[in-house]
Amino acid sequence: QYAVFEMKDQEIQLIDCPGIGESIEDDLRIEKIYTELFSKVDFIIWVLRADIRNYSSDQKFIEQIKKLENGNKQFCIALNMIDRIIFESQGWDNIDDKPNKSLELLIERKKMYISGLFQIIPNKIIPTVGFKKYNVDKLIELVISSISL
């Protein structure tokens, strides 16, 4: 699946790929898809769920992406579902539609964990909530500014 966004004189195509971690067999099949796509795209947004602890399936792919970065491929991690790190009513400010202070601290802690685990700088990790469109604009700005260089 893909979507196309047109802005002024640019066109951005977003390609949604199947997720990993369901089974070893699926991951092997998906790895072939990723390997082909990684060589063709300008920017990779790797989506991680914030509400899980085990990222072992992601590590191999993140390492591949980091190697591509040396060849001028850009990437970031969308740390999605940050509203689920703790029970939603305890962490989400429904008035301002954003994380409250308690959740912000947990998000920052999770970013530091991801940063250390994958050995990437924290500003490549964008906390998001896709369904609430939280920080999606920051993610888009990062992609546009990175590919417009």
N, C-alpha and C. Protein backbone atom coordinates (compact mmCIF):
# COMPACT_ATOMS: atom_id res chain seq x y z
N GLN A 1 0.84 -1.18 0.00
CA GLN A 1 0.00 0.00 0.00
C GLN A 1 0.88 1.24 0.00
N TYR A 2 0.40 2.26 -0.68
CA TYR A 2 1.16 3.50 -0.67
C TYR A 2 0.21 4.70 -0.82
N ALA A 3 0.75 5.85 -0.42
CA ALA A 3 0.01 7.10 -0.56
C ALA A 3 0.95 8.11 -1.21
N VAL A 4 0.38 9.04 -1.96
CA VAL A 4 1.17 10.07 -2.62
C VAL A 4 0.72 11.43 -2.10
N PHE A 5 1.70 12.26 -1.72
CA PHE A 5 1.45 13.62 -1.28
C PHE A 5 2.17 14.56 -2.22
N GLU A 6 1.44 15.54 -2.71
CA GLU A 6 2.04 16.53 -3.59
C GLU A 6 2.09 17.86 -2.86
N MET A 7 3.29 18.46 -2.88
CA MET A 7 3.50 19.75 -2.24
C MET A 7 4.32 20.62 -3.17
N LYS A 8 3.74 21.72 -3.56
CA LYS A 8 4.40 22.65 -4.48
C LYS A 8 5.00 21.89 -5.65
N ASP A 9 6.32 21.83 -5.71
CA ASP A 9 6.98 21.17 -6.84
C ASP A 9 7.55 19.80 -6.47
N GLN A 10 7.10 19.25 -5.34
CA GLN A 10 7.60 17.95 -4.91
C GLN A 10 6.47 16.95 -4.75
N GLU A 11 6.83 15.70 -4.89
CA GLU A 11 5.89 14.62 -4.65
C GLU A 11 6.55 13.64 -3.70
N ILE A 12 5.83 13.25 -2.67
CA ILE A 12 6.33 12.28 -1.72
C ILE A 12 5.42 11.06 -1.78
N GLN A 13 6.03 9.91 -1.97
CA GLN A 13 5.29 8.66 -1.95
C GLN A 13 5.63 7.92 -0.66
N LEU A 14 4.61 7.57 0.09
CA LEU A 14 4.79 6.79 1.31
C LEU A 14 4.38 5.35 1.00
N ILE A 15 5.27 4.44 1.31
CA ILE A 15 5.01 3.02 1.07
C ILE A 15 4.86 2.34 2.43
N ASP A 16 3.73 1.72 2.67
CA ASP A 16 3.49 0.99 3.91
C ASP A 16 3.85 -0.46 3.69
N CYS A 17 4.84 -0.92 4.43
CA CYS A 17 5.31 -2.29 4.29
C CYS A 17 4.75 -3.17 5.39
N PRO A 18 4.71 -4.48 5.17
CA PRO A 18 4.23 -5.37 6.22
C PRO A 18 5.16 -5.33 7.43
N GLY A 19 4.59 -5.54 8.59
CA GLY A 19 5.38 -5.53 9.82
C GLY A 19 6.11 -6.84 10.04
N ILE A 20 7.05 -6.79 10.96
CA ILE A 20 7.85 -7.97 11.27
C ILE A 20 7.51 -8.49 12.66
N GLY A 21 8.06 -9.65 12.97
CA GLY A 21 7.94 -10.19 14.32
C GLY A 21 6.80 -11.16 14.53
N GLU A 22 6.06 -11.47 13.47
CA GLU A 22 4.96 -12.43 13.61
C GLU A 22 5.48 -13.87 13.61
N SER A 23 6.40 -14.17 12.68
CA SER A 23 7.00 -15.51 12.62
C SER A 23 8.33 -15.41 11.88
N ILE A 24 9.16 -16.39 12.07
CA ILE A 24 10.46 -16.42 11.39
C ILE A 24 10.26 -16.52 9.89
N GLU A 25 9.30 -17.34 9.47
CA GLU A 25 9.04 -17.51 8.04
C GLU A 25 8.60 -16.19 7.41
N ASP A 26 7.67 -15.50 8.07
CA ASP A 26 7.22 -14.20 7.54
C ASP A 26 8.37 -13.20 7.49
N ASP A 27 9.19 -13.19 8.53
CA ASP A 27 10.31 -12.24 8.57
C ASP A 27 11.28 -12.49 7.43
N LEU A 28 11.52 -13.75 7.07
CA LEU A 28 12.41 -14.05 5.95
C LEU A 28 11.82 -13.56 4.63
N ARG A 29 10.52 -13.73 4.46
CA ARG A 29 9.84 -13.24 3.26
C ARG A 29 9.87 -11.71 3.21
N ILE A 30 9.58 -11.10 4.35
CA ILE A 30 9.54 -9.64 4.43
C ILE A 30 10.93 -9.04 4.25
N GLU A 31 11.95 -9.74 4.73
CA GLU A 31 13.32 -9.25 4.58
C GLU A 31 13.66 -9.03 3.10
N LYS A 32 13.19 -9.91 2.24
CA LYS A 32 13.43 -9.75 0.80
C LYS A 32 12.75 -8.49 0.27
N ILE A 33 11.56 -8.23 0.73
CA ILE A 33 10.83 -7.02 0.33
C ILE A 33 11.60 -5.78 0.80
N TYR A 34 12.00 -5.79 2.07
CA TYR A 34 12.72 -4.65 2.63
C TYR A 34 14.04 -4.40 1.91
N THR A 35 14.78 -5.46 1.66
CA THR A 35 16.09 -5.31 1.00
C THR A 35 15.93 -4.62 -0.35
N GLU A 36 14.92 -5.02 -1.10
CA GLU A 36 14.68 -4.39 -2.40
C GLU A 36 14.26 -2.93 -2.23
N LEU A 37 13.34 -2.67 -1.31
CA LEU A 37 12.85 -1.30 -1.12
C LEU A 37 13.91 -0.37 -0.53
N PHE A 38 14.70 -0.87 0.40
CA PHE A 38 15.73 -0.04 1.02
C PHE A 38 16.65 0.59 -0.02
N SER A 39 16.93 -0.13 -1.09
CA SER A 39 17.82 0.40 -2.11
C SER A 39 17.16 1.46 -2.98
N LYS A 40 15.81 1.52 -2.98
CA LYS A 40 15.09 2.42 -3.87
C LYS A 40 14.59 3.70 -3.21
N VAL A 41 14.44 3.71 -1.92
CA VAL A 41 13.81 4.85 -1.25
C VAL A 41 14.84 5.88 -0.78
N ASP A 42 14.36 7.10 -0.56
CA ASP A 42 15.23 8.17 -0.07
C ASP A 42 15.22 8.27 1.45
N PHE A 43 14.12 7.86 2.07
CA PHE A 43 13.97 8.03 3.51
C PHE A 43 13.18 6.85 4.06
N ILE A 44 13.62 6.34 5.20
CA ILE A 44 12.95 5.22 5.84
C ILE A 44 12.42 5.66 7.20
N ILE A 45 11.13 5.46 7.41
CA ILE A 45 10.53 5.67 8.72
C ILE A 45 10.28 4.28 9.30
N TRP A 46 11.04 3.93 10.32
CA TRP A 46 10.86 2.63 10.97
C TRP A 46 9.93 2.85 12.16
N VAL A 47 8.83 2.14 12.18
CA VAL A 47 7.82 2.33 13.23
C VAL A 47 8.00 1.27 14.31
N LEU A 48 8.17 1.74 15.54
CA LEU A 48 8.24 0.87 16.71
C LEU A 48 7.06 1.17 17.61
N ARG A 49 6.48 0.15 18.19
CA ARG A 49 5.43 0.35 19.19
C ARG A 49 6.08 0.72 20.51
N ALA A 50 5.59 1.77 21.12
CA ALA A 50 6.16 2.23 22.38
C ALA A 50 5.76 1.35 23.55
N ASP A 51 4.68 0.60 23.40
CA ASP A 51 4.16 -0.16 24.53
C ASP A 51 4.68 -1.59 24.61
N ILE A 52 5.76 -1.90 23.88
CA ILE A 52 6.38 -3.22 24.02
C ILE A 52 7.82 -3.07 24.48
N ARG A 53 8.39 -4.16 24.95
CA ARG A 53 9.76 -4.11 25.47
C ARG A 53 10.76 -4.81 24.56
N ASN A 54 10.32 -5.80 23.81
CA ASN A 54 11.23 -6.62 23.04
C ASN A 54 11.31 -6.12 21.60
N TYR A 55 12.49 -5.63 21.25
CA TYR A 55 12.72 -5.13 19.89
C TYR A 55 13.74 -5.99 19.14
N SER A 56 13.88 -7.25 19.53
CA SER A 56 14.90 -8.11 18.92
C SER A 56 14.65 -8.32 17.43
N SER A 57 13.39 -8.40 17.00
CA SER A 57 13.10 -8.57 15.58
C SER A 57 13.52 -7.33 14.78
N ASP A 58 13.47 -6.18 15.41
CA ASP A 58 13.79 -4.92 14.73
C ASP A 58 15.29 -4.68 14.60
N GLN A 59 16.08 -5.26 15.50
CA GLN A 59 17.50 -4.93 15.56
C GLN A 59 18.23 -5.20 14.25
N LYS A 60 17.98 -6.33 13.62
CA LYS A 60 18.66 -6.67 12.37
C LYS A 60 18.35 -5.63 11.29
N PHE A 61 17.10 -5.23 11.20
CA PHE A 61 16.69 -4.28 10.17
C PHE A 61 17.23 -2.88 10.45
N ILE A 62 17.23 -2.49 11.71
CA ILE A 62 17.78 -1.17 12.07
C ILE A 62 19.27 -1.12 11.71
N GLU A 63 19.98 -2.22 11.96
CA GLU A 63 21.40 -2.25 11.58
C GLU A 63 21.57 -2.09 10.07
N GLN A 64 20.72 -2.73 9.28
CA GLN A 64 20.77 -2.57 7.83
C GLN A 64 20.51 -1.12 7.44
N ILE A 65 19.54 -0.51 8.08
CA ILE A 65 19.19 0.87 7.78
C ILE A 65 20.34 1.80 8.15
N LYS A 66 20.98 1.56 9.28
CA LYS A 66 22.11 2.39 9.70
C LYS A 66 23.26 2.31 8.69
N LYS A 67 23.48 1.14 8.12
CA LYS A 67 24.53 1.00 7.10
C LYS A 67 24.16 1.79 5.85
N LEU A 68 22.88 1.81 5.50
CA LEU A 68 22.43 2.59 4.35
C LEU A 68 22.62 4.08 4.57
N GLU A 69 22.53 4.51 5.84
CA GLU A 69 22.70 5.93 6.15
C GLU A 69 24.08 6.42 5.73
N ASN A 70 25.08 5.58 5.85
CA ASN A 70 26.42 5.95 5.40
C ASN A 70 26.47 6.18 3.89
N GLY A 71 25.52 5.61 3.18
CA GLY A 71 25.39 5.83 1.74
C GLY A 71 24.37 6.91 1.44
N ASN A 72 24.14 7.81 2.38
CA ASN A 72 23.26 8.98 2.26
C ASN A 72 21.76 8.66 2.31
N LYS A 73 21.37 7.48 2.74
CA LYS A 73 19.95 7.22 2.99
C LYS A 73 19.62 7.80 4.36
N GLN A 74 18.49 8.43 4.45
CA GLN A 74 18.06 9.02 5.71
C GLN A 74 17.03 8.11 6.38
N PHE A 75 16.95 8.17 7.71
CA PHE A 75 15.94 7.40 8.41
C PHE A 75 15.60 8.04 9.75
N CYS A 76 14.49 7.62 10.28
CA CYS A 76 14.13 7.97 11.65
C CYS A 76 13.26 6.84 12.20
N ILE A 77 13.04 6.89 13.48
CA ILE A 77 12.17 5.93 14.14
C ILE A 77 10.94 6.68 14.62
N ALA A 78 9.77 6.21 14.22
CA ALA A 78 8.52 6.72 14.76
C ALA A 78 8.17 5.82 15.93
N LEU A 79 8.30 6.35 17.12
CA LEU A 79 7.95 5.60 18.33
C LEU A 79 6.46 5.80 18.55
N ASN A 80 5.68 4.88 18.02
CA ASN A 80 4.23 5.05 17.94
C ASN A 80 3.53 4.45 19.16
N MET A 81 2.30 4.88 19.34
CA MET A 81 1.45 4.43 20.45
C MET A 81 2.01 4.83 21.81
N ILE A 82 2.60 6.02 21.88
CA ILE A 82 3.16 6.46 23.15
C ILE A 82 2.09 6.65 24.22
N ASP A 83 0.85 6.82 23.79
CA ASP A 83 -0.24 6.96 24.75
C ASP A 83 -0.53 5.67 25.49
N ARG A 84 0.06 4.57 25.04
CA ARG A 84 -0.18 3.27 25.66
C ARG A 84 0.94 2.84 26.60
N ILE A 85 1.93 3.70 26.81
CA ILE A 85 3.01 3.34 27.72
C ILE A 85 2.44 3.10 29.12
N ILE A 86 1.51 3.94 29.52
CA ILE A 86 0.78 3.72 30.77
C ILE A 86 -0.70 3.80 30.45
N PHE A 87 -1.53 3.41 31.39
CA PHE A 87 -2.96 3.45 31.17
C PHE A 87 -3.36 4.84 30.72
N GLU A 88 -4.05 4.93 29.59
CA GLU A 88 -4.30 6.20 28.89
C GLU A 88 -4.84 7.30 29.79
N SER A 89 -5.80 6.98 30.64
CA SER A 89 -6.40 8.04 31.46
C SER A 89 -5.39 8.62 32.45
N GLN A 90 -4.30 7.91 32.71
CA GLN A 90 -3.28 8.41 33.63
C GLN A 90 -2.21 9.23 32.92
N GLY A 91 -2.12 9.13 31.60
CA GLY A 91 -1.00 9.76 30.94
C GLY A 91 -1.34 10.77 29.86
N TRP A 92 -2.59 10.84 29.47
CA TRP A 92 -2.93 11.71 28.35
C TRP A 92 -3.73 12.91 28.82
N ASP A 93 -3.30 14.09 28.42
CA ASP A 93 -4.02 15.33 28.71
C ASP A 93 -5.06 15.51 27.61
N ASN A 94 -6.31 15.17 27.93
CA ASN A 94 -7.38 15.23 26.93
C ASN A 94 -7.77 16.65 26.55
N ILE A 95 -7.50 17.60 27.41
CA ILE A 95 -7.83 19.00 27.10
C ILE A 95 -6.90 19.53 26.01
N ASP A 96 -5.59 19.34 26.19
CA ASP A 96 -4.62 19.81 25.20
C ASP A 96 -4.26 18.73 24.17
N ASP A 97 -4.81 17.53 24.33
CA ASP A 97 -4.58 16.41 23.43
C ASP A 97 -3.10 16.13 23.25
N LYS A 98 -2.42 15.90 24.36
CA LYS A 98 -0.99 15.60 24.36
C LYS A 98 -0.64 14.86 25.65
N PRO A 99 0.56 14.31 25.72
CA PRO A 99 0.96 13.62 26.94
C PRO A 99 1.03 14.58 28.12
N ASN A 100 0.65 14.09 29.31
CA ASN A 100 0.83 14.92 30.49
C ASN A 100 2.29 14.79 30.95
N LYS A 101 2.64 15.49 32.01
CA LYS A 101 4.05 15.52 32.47
C LYS A 101 4.55 14.13 32.83
N SER A 102 3.72 13.32 33.48
CA SER A 102 4.15 11.96 33.86
C SER A 102 4.48 11.13 32.63
N LEU A 103 3.62 11.19 31.64
CA LEU A 103 3.84 10.43 30.41
C LEU A 103 5.03 10.99 29.64
N GLU A 104 5.21 12.30 29.64
CA GLU A 104 6.36 12.89 28.95
C GLU A 104 7.67 12.34 29.50
N LEU A 105 7.74 12.17 30.82
CA LEU A 105 8.96 11.61 31.43
C LEU A 105 9.17 10.16 30.98
N LEU A 106 8.10 9.39 30.93
CA LEU A 106 8.21 8.00 30.48
C LEU A 106 8.58 7.92 29.00
N ILE A 107 8.06 8.83 28.21
CA ILE A 107 8.39 8.87 26.78
C ILE A 107 9.88 9.17 26.60
N GLU A 108 10.36 10.15 27.35
CA GLU A 108 11.78 10.51 27.26
C GLU A 108 12.66 9.34 27.68
N ARG A 109 12.25 8.63 28.71
CA ARG A 109 12.98 7.45 29.17
C ARG A 109 13.00 6.37 28.07
N LYS A 110 11.86 6.17 27.42
CA LYS A 110 11.75 5.18 26.35
C LYS A 110 12.63 5.58 25.16
N LYS A 111 12.64 6.88 24.82
CA LYS A 111 13.51 7.37 23.74
C LYS A 111 14.98 7.07 24.06
N MET A 112 15.38 7.30 25.29
CA MET A 112 16.77 7.05 25.67
C MET A 112 17.10 5.56 25.59
N TYR A 113 16.15 4.73 25.98
CA TYR A 113 16.33 3.28 25.88
C TYR A 113 16.52 2.87 24.42
N ILE A 114 15.63 3.35 23.55
CA ILE A 114 15.71 3.03 22.11
C ILE A 114 17.01 3.56 21.52
N SER A 115 17.37 4.77 21.90
CA SER A 115 18.60 5.38 21.41
C SER A 115 19.81 4.53 21.78
N GLY A 116 19.87 4.08 23.01
CA GLY A 116 20.98 3.24 23.45
C GLY A 116 20.96 1.87 22.81
N LEU A 117 19.78 1.27 22.72
CA LEU A 117 19.66 -0.07 22.15
C LEU A 117 20.12 -0.11 20.71
N PHE A 118 19.71 0.88 19.91
CA PHE A 118 20.03 0.88 18.49
C PHE A 118 21.23 1.77 18.15
N GLN A 119 21.80 2.43 19.16
CA GLN A 119 22.95 3.31 18.95
C GLN A 119 22.66 4.36 17.89
N ILE A 120 21.55 5.09 18.10
CA ILE A 120 21.20 6.21 17.23
C ILE A 120 20.93 7.44 18.09
N ILE A 121 21.07 8.60 17.51
CA ILE A 121 20.86 9.82 18.28
C ILE A 121 19.38 10.01 18.58
N PRO A 122 19.07 10.52 19.77
CA PRO A 122 17.67 10.64 20.20
C PRO A 122 16.80 11.49 19.29
N ASN A 123 17.36 12.50 18.60
CA ASN A 123 16.50 13.34 17.77
C ASN A 123 16.04 12.64 16.49
N LYS A 124 16.49 11.41 16.25
CA LYS A 124 15.97 10.59 15.14
C LYS A 124 14.77 9.77 15.60
N ILE A 125 14.38 9.91 16.86
CA ILE A 125 13.26 9.16 17.41
C ILE A 125 12.12 10.14 17.67
N ILE A 126 11.02 9.98 16.95
CA ILE A 126 9.89 10.89 17.07
C ILE A 126 8.73 10.15 17.75
N PRO A 127 8.37 10.56 18.98
CA PRO A 127 7.23 9.93 19.64
C PRO A 127 5.93 10.35 18.95
N THR A 128 5.08 9.38 18.63
CA THR A 128 3.85 9.68 17.91
C THR A 128 2.68 8.88 18.47
N VAL A 129 1.50 9.36 18.12
CA VAL A 129 0.26 8.59 18.29
C VAL A 129 -0.47 8.78 16.97
N GLY A 130 -0.37 7.79 16.10
CA GLY A 130 -0.92 7.91 14.76
C GLY A 130 -2.40 8.23 14.73
N PHE A 131 -3.19 7.52 15.52
CA PHE A 131 -4.64 7.73 15.48
C PHE A 131 -5.04 9.11 16.00
N LYS A 132 -4.23 9.68 16.88
CA LYS A 132 -4.53 11.01 17.42
C LYS A 132 -3.79 12.10 16.64
N LYS A 133 -2.98 11.67 15.67
CA LYS A 133 -2.17 12.58 14.85
C LYS A 133 -1.18 13.39 15.69
N TYR A 134 -0.83 12.87 16.85
CA TYR A 134 0.13 13.55 17.71
C TYR A 134 1.54 13.42 17.14
N ASN A 135 2.18 14.53 16.90
CA ASN A 135 3.55 14.64 16.39
C ASN A 135 3.71 14.15 14.95
N VAL A 136 2.64 13.86 14.27
CA VAL A 136 2.74 13.45 12.88
C VAL A 136 3.32 14.60 12.05
N ASP A 137 2.96 15.83 12.40
CA ASP A 137 3.52 16.98 11.69
C ASP A 137 5.04 17.05 11.86
N LYS A 138 5.55 16.73 13.05
CA LYS A 138 7.01 16.73 13.28
C LYS A 138 7.68 15.65 12.44
N LEU A 139 7.03 14.51 12.33
CA LEU A 139 7.56 13.42 11.52
C LEU A 139 7.64 13.85 10.06
N ILE A 140 6.59 14.45 9.56
CA ILE A 140 6.57 14.92 8.18
C ILE A 140 7.62 16.00 7.95
N GLU A 141 7.76 16.93 8.88
CA GLU A 141 8.77 17.99 8.76
C GLU A 141 10.17 17.40 8.70
N LEU A 142 10.43 16.38 9.52
CA LEU A 142 11.75 15.73 9.51
C LEU A 142 12.02 15.09 8.16
N VAL A 143 11.05 14.40 7.61
CA VAL A 143 11.22 13.75 6.31
C VAL A 143 11.47 14.80 5.23
N ILE A 144 10.66 15.82 5.19
CA ILE A 144 10.79 16.84 4.16
C ILE A 144 12.13 17.57 4.27
N SER A 145 12.51 17.96 5.48
CA SER A 145 13.77 18.67 5.63
C SER A 145 14.97 17.77 5.30
N SER A 146 14.86 16.49 5.55
CA SER A 146 15.97 15.56 5.28
C SER A 146 16.14 15.28 3.79
N ILE A 147 15.03 15.15 3.07
CA ILE A 147 15.16 14.83 1.65
C ILE A 147 15.30 16.07 0.78
N SER A 148 15.10 17.25 1.38
CA SER A 148 15.21 18.49 0.62
C SER A 148 16.63 19.06 0.67
N LEU A 149 17.53 18.39 1.36
CA LEU A 149 18.91 18.90 1.50
C LEU A 149 19.67 18.84 0.20
